[in-house]
Amino acid sequence: MWHWWSIIFSLGACAWFSLQLVSADFQALKIPMNEDLQKDISALETLAQIALVYIAVHSFPGSRIPIRIPTLSDNTGAEAVSNKLFTTQIPLALYLEKLCLLIASSHTEVHVSHIPGKDNEYADALSRWNNEGSPPHNFLLSDRFQLSFADIWTLDRHPKLFPENTWIPWRLPCSL
């Protein structure tokens, strides 16, 4: 199963990502998912929302101003839980927990709007692209944000220096 989404920033810059996921990826991280991943599509669409927020946060490192991140989803389940930030349904609740942690630790606000599936041209075209030739809709390979499932699942959230070689007279706390 492929997941592809893009972010278009207000000045026209674009970042997009792709993840090829199979049930073994979830088993490796001990995430209870249906063997037929399509049956947990709302959880996977929520994972896409996590990735979009992750990319936006990493595009503005060290930002002290709260960022509002509007996103789109053609999955009403993912849209609803991402906006309400509540569900008790497993595995969807596990993904929502990750989204909540990312939102809280990055001081962002996320609002997911619905886009009808037939109008979701970019996501549909990217999901059908087989990594051969140029990406569809004039997406550039140089704008592809490289991330892995583990990157967005483990959410390594701890203080970092920007630029990395900046000297400070103390040691940064490290994550556990």
Protein backbone atom coordinates (compact mmCIF):
# COMPACT_ATOMS: atom_id res chain seq x y z
CA MET A 1 0.00 0.00 0.00
CA TRP A 2 1.41 3.39 -1.02
CA HIS A 3 0.71 6.66 0.73
CA TRP A 4 1.50 9.93 -1.00
CA TRP A 5 0.66 13.46 0.00
CA SER A 6 1.95 16.94 -0.58
CA ILE A 7 2.19 20.26 1.21
CA ILE A 8 2.01 23.52 -0.69
CA PHE A 9 3.28 26.42 1.41
CA SER A 10 1.82 29.92 1.12
CA LEU A 11 4.72 31.21 -0.99
CA GLY A 12 4.25 28.38 -3.50
CA ALA A 13 7.01 26.04 -2.27
CA CYS A 14 5.99 22.39 -2.26
CA ALA A 15 7.04 19.37 -0.23
CA TRP A 16 5.69 15.88 -0.82
CA PHE A 17 6.32 12.43 0.59
CA SER A 18 5.64 8.82 -0.16
CA LEU A 19 5.62 5.72 1.99
CA GLN A 20 5.19 2.16 0.84
CA LEU A 21 3.69 0.26 3.74
CA VAL A 22 2.85 -3.39 4.20
CA SER A 23 1.45 -5.21 7.23
CA ALA A 24 4.96 -6.36 8.25
CA ASP A 25 5.92 -2.70 8.85
CA PHE A 26 3.23 -2.43 11.51
CA GLN A 27 4.05 -5.82 13.01
CA ALA A 28 7.70 -4.76 13.38
CA LEU A 29 6.61 -1.82 15.57
CA LYS A 30 3.99 -3.96 17.38
CA ILE A 31 1.08 -1.89 16.09
CA PRO A 32 -2.12 -3.95 16.00
CA MET A 33 -3.39 -3.64 12.44
CA ASN A 34 -5.61 -5.80 10.30
CA GLU A 35 -3.64 -8.01 7.91
CA ASP A 36 -5.72 -6.40 5.14
CA LEU A 37 -4.59 -2.80 5.69
CA GLN A 38 -7.53 -1.45 3.69
CA LYS A 39 -9.76 -2.38 6.65
CA ASP A 40 -7.85 0.15 8.79
CA ILE A 41 -7.88 2.91 6.17
CA SER A 42 -8.94 5.63 8.65
CA ALA A 43 -5.87 4.85 10.76
CA LEU A 44 -3.65 5.01 7.68
CA GLU A 45 -5.22 8.30 6.58
CA THR A 46 -4.57 9.65 10.09
CA LEU A 47 -0.96 8.50 9.68
CA ALA A 48 -0.87 10.69 6.57
CA GLN A 49 -2.06 13.65 8.66
CA ILE A 50 0.78 12.95 11.11
CA ALA A 51 3.26 12.97 8.23
CA LEU A 52 1.91 16.26 6.89
CA VAL A 53 2.24 17.91 10.31
CA TYR A 54 5.71 16.35 10.72
CA ILE A 55 6.86 17.85 7.41
CA ALA A 56 5.39 21.27 8.22
CA VAL A 57 7.06 21.30 11.65
CA HIS A 58 10.41 20.26 10.18
CA SER A 59 10.10 22.95 7.52
CA PHE A 60 10.01 25.63 10.23
CA PRO A 61 12.49 24.37 12.88
CA GLY A 62 12.73 26.32 16.09
CA SER A 63 9.64 28.37 15.27
CA ARG A 64 8.41 30.26 18.29
CA ILE A 65 5.22 31.41 16.61
CA PRO A 66 2.34 28.93 16.65
CA ILE A 67 1.67 27.53 13.18
CA ARG A 68 -1.82 26.71 11.91
CA ILE A 69 -1.69 23.77 9.53
CA PRO A 70 -4.75 23.30 7.32
CA THR A 71 -4.83 19.89 5.63
CA LEU A 72 -7.22 17.94 3.44
CA SER A 73 -8.47 14.36 3.66
CA ASP A 74 -10.93 12.37 1.58
CA ASN A 75 -11.47 9.99 4.52
CA THR A 76 -14.22 11.21 6.86
CA GLY A 77 -13.02 9.02 9.74
CA ALA A 78 -9.51 10.49 9.67
CA GLU A 79 -10.95 13.98 9.23
CA ALA A 80 -13.27 13.62 12.23
CA VAL A 81 -10.74 12.20 14.70
CA SER A 82 -8.01 14.63 13.58
CA ASN A 83 -10.30 17.58 14.29
CA LYS A 84 -11.94 16.29 17.48
CA LEU A 85 -8.77 14.62 18.79
CA PHE A 86 -10.81 11.83 20.34
CA THR A 87 -11.55 8.20 19.60
CA THR A 88 -11.53 4.96 21.57
CA GLN A 89 -11.28 2.73 18.50
CA ILE A 90 -8.05 0.74 18.19
CA PRO A 91 -5.82 1.08 16.15
CA LEU A 92 -7.10 4.56 15.24
CA ALA A 93 -6.61 5.75 18.84
CA LEU A 94 -2.89 4.87 18.64
CA TYR A 95 -2.45 7.09 15.59
CA LEU A 96 -4.47 9.88 17.14
CA GLU A 97 -2.24 9.74 20.22
CA LYS A 98 0.81 10.29 18.00
CA LEU A 99 -0.91 13.19 16.24
CA CYS A 100 -1.81 14.77 19.60
CA LEU A 101 1.77 14.43 20.87
CA LEU A 102 3.16 16.02 17.71
CA ILE A 103 0.67 18.89 17.83
CA ALA A 104 1.32 19.56 21.54
CA SER A 105 5.12 19.33 21.31
CA SER A 106 5.34 21.58 18.27
CA HIS A 107 2.78 24.22 19.33
CA THR A 108 0.78 23.80 16.14
CA GLU A 109 -2.89 23.90 15.37
CA VAL A 110 -4.24 21.45 12.81
CA HIS A 111 -7.52 21.68 10.96
CA VAL A 112 -8.47 18.93 8.53
CA SER A 113 -11.01 19.79 5.85
CA HIS A 114 -12.84 17.31 3.68
CA ILE A 115 -12.00 16.95 0.03
CA PRO A 116 -14.23 14.69 -2.07
CA GLY A 117 -12.30 11.71 -3.39
CA LYS A 118 -12.95 12.71 -7.00
CA ASP A 119 -11.34 16.11 -6.33
CA ASN A 120 -8.28 14.68 -4.60
CA GLU A 121 -6.28 14.69 -7.85
CA TYR A 122 -2.78 15.18 -6.42
CA ALA A 123 -3.00 12.38 -3.86
CA ASP A 124 -4.63 10.04 -6.38
CA ALA A 125 -2.04 10.74 -9.07
CA LEU A 126 0.89 10.37 -6.67
CA SER A 127 -0.54 7.15 -5.22
CA ARG A 128 -0.68 5.64 -8.71
CA TRP A 129 2.83 6.77 -9.68
CA ASN A 130 5.25 3.83 -9.60
CA ASN A 131 8.48 5.79 -8.89
CA GLU A 132 9.48 5.60 -12.55
CA GLY A 133 9.95 8.70 -14.66
CA SER A 134 8.86 12.11 -13.48
CA PRO A 135 6.20 12.43 -10.78
CA PRO A 136 2.76 13.58 -11.95
CA HIS A 137 1.35 17.13 -11.81
CA ASN A 138 4.81 18.70 -12.17
CA PHE A 139 5.91 17.54 -8.71
CA LEU A 140 9.70 17.63 -8.51
CA LEU A 141 11.84 14.84 -7.12
CA SER A 142 13.95 17.55 -5.42
CA ASP A 143 10.86 18.58 -3.40
CA ARG A 144 10.34 15.05 -2.06
CA PHE A 145 10.61 14.97 1.74
CA GLN A 146 12.39 11.77 2.74
CA LEU A 147 10.88 10.15 5.78
CA SER A 148 10.27 6.66 7.03
CA PHE A 149 7.40 5.11 8.94
CA ALA A 150 9.70 4.87 11.98
CA ASP A 151 10.45 8.63 11.73
CA ILE A 152 6.84 9.59 12.17
CA TRP A 153 5.91 6.78 14.55
CA THR A 154 8.72 7.30 17.07
CA LEU A 155 8.46 11.13 16.92
CA ASP A 156 11.91 11.90 18.25
CA ARG A 157 10.93 15.12 20.02
CA HIS A 158 13.71 16.76 21.99
CA PRO A 159 15.60 20.07 21.89
CA LYS A 160 17.89 20.54 18.89
CA LEU A 161 20.26 23.24 17.74
CA PHE A 162 19.83 25.05 14.44
CA PRO A 163 22.33 25.15 12.87
CA GLU A 164 23.54 21.88 14.34
CA ASN A 165 27.12 23.06 14.98
CA THR A 166 26.05 26.05 17.12
CA TRP A 167 28.04 26.28 20.37
CA ILE A 168 26.22 26.67 23.67
CA PRO A 169 27.80 26.58 27.16
CA TRP A 170 25.66 23.63 28.33
CA ARG A 171 24.56 20.23 27.10
CA LEU A 172 21.16 19.72 25.60
CA PRO A 173 18.91 17.19 27.34
CA CYS A 174 18.60 14.02 25.34
CA SER A 175 15.51 11.93 24.74
CA LEU A 176 14.96 8.72 26.64
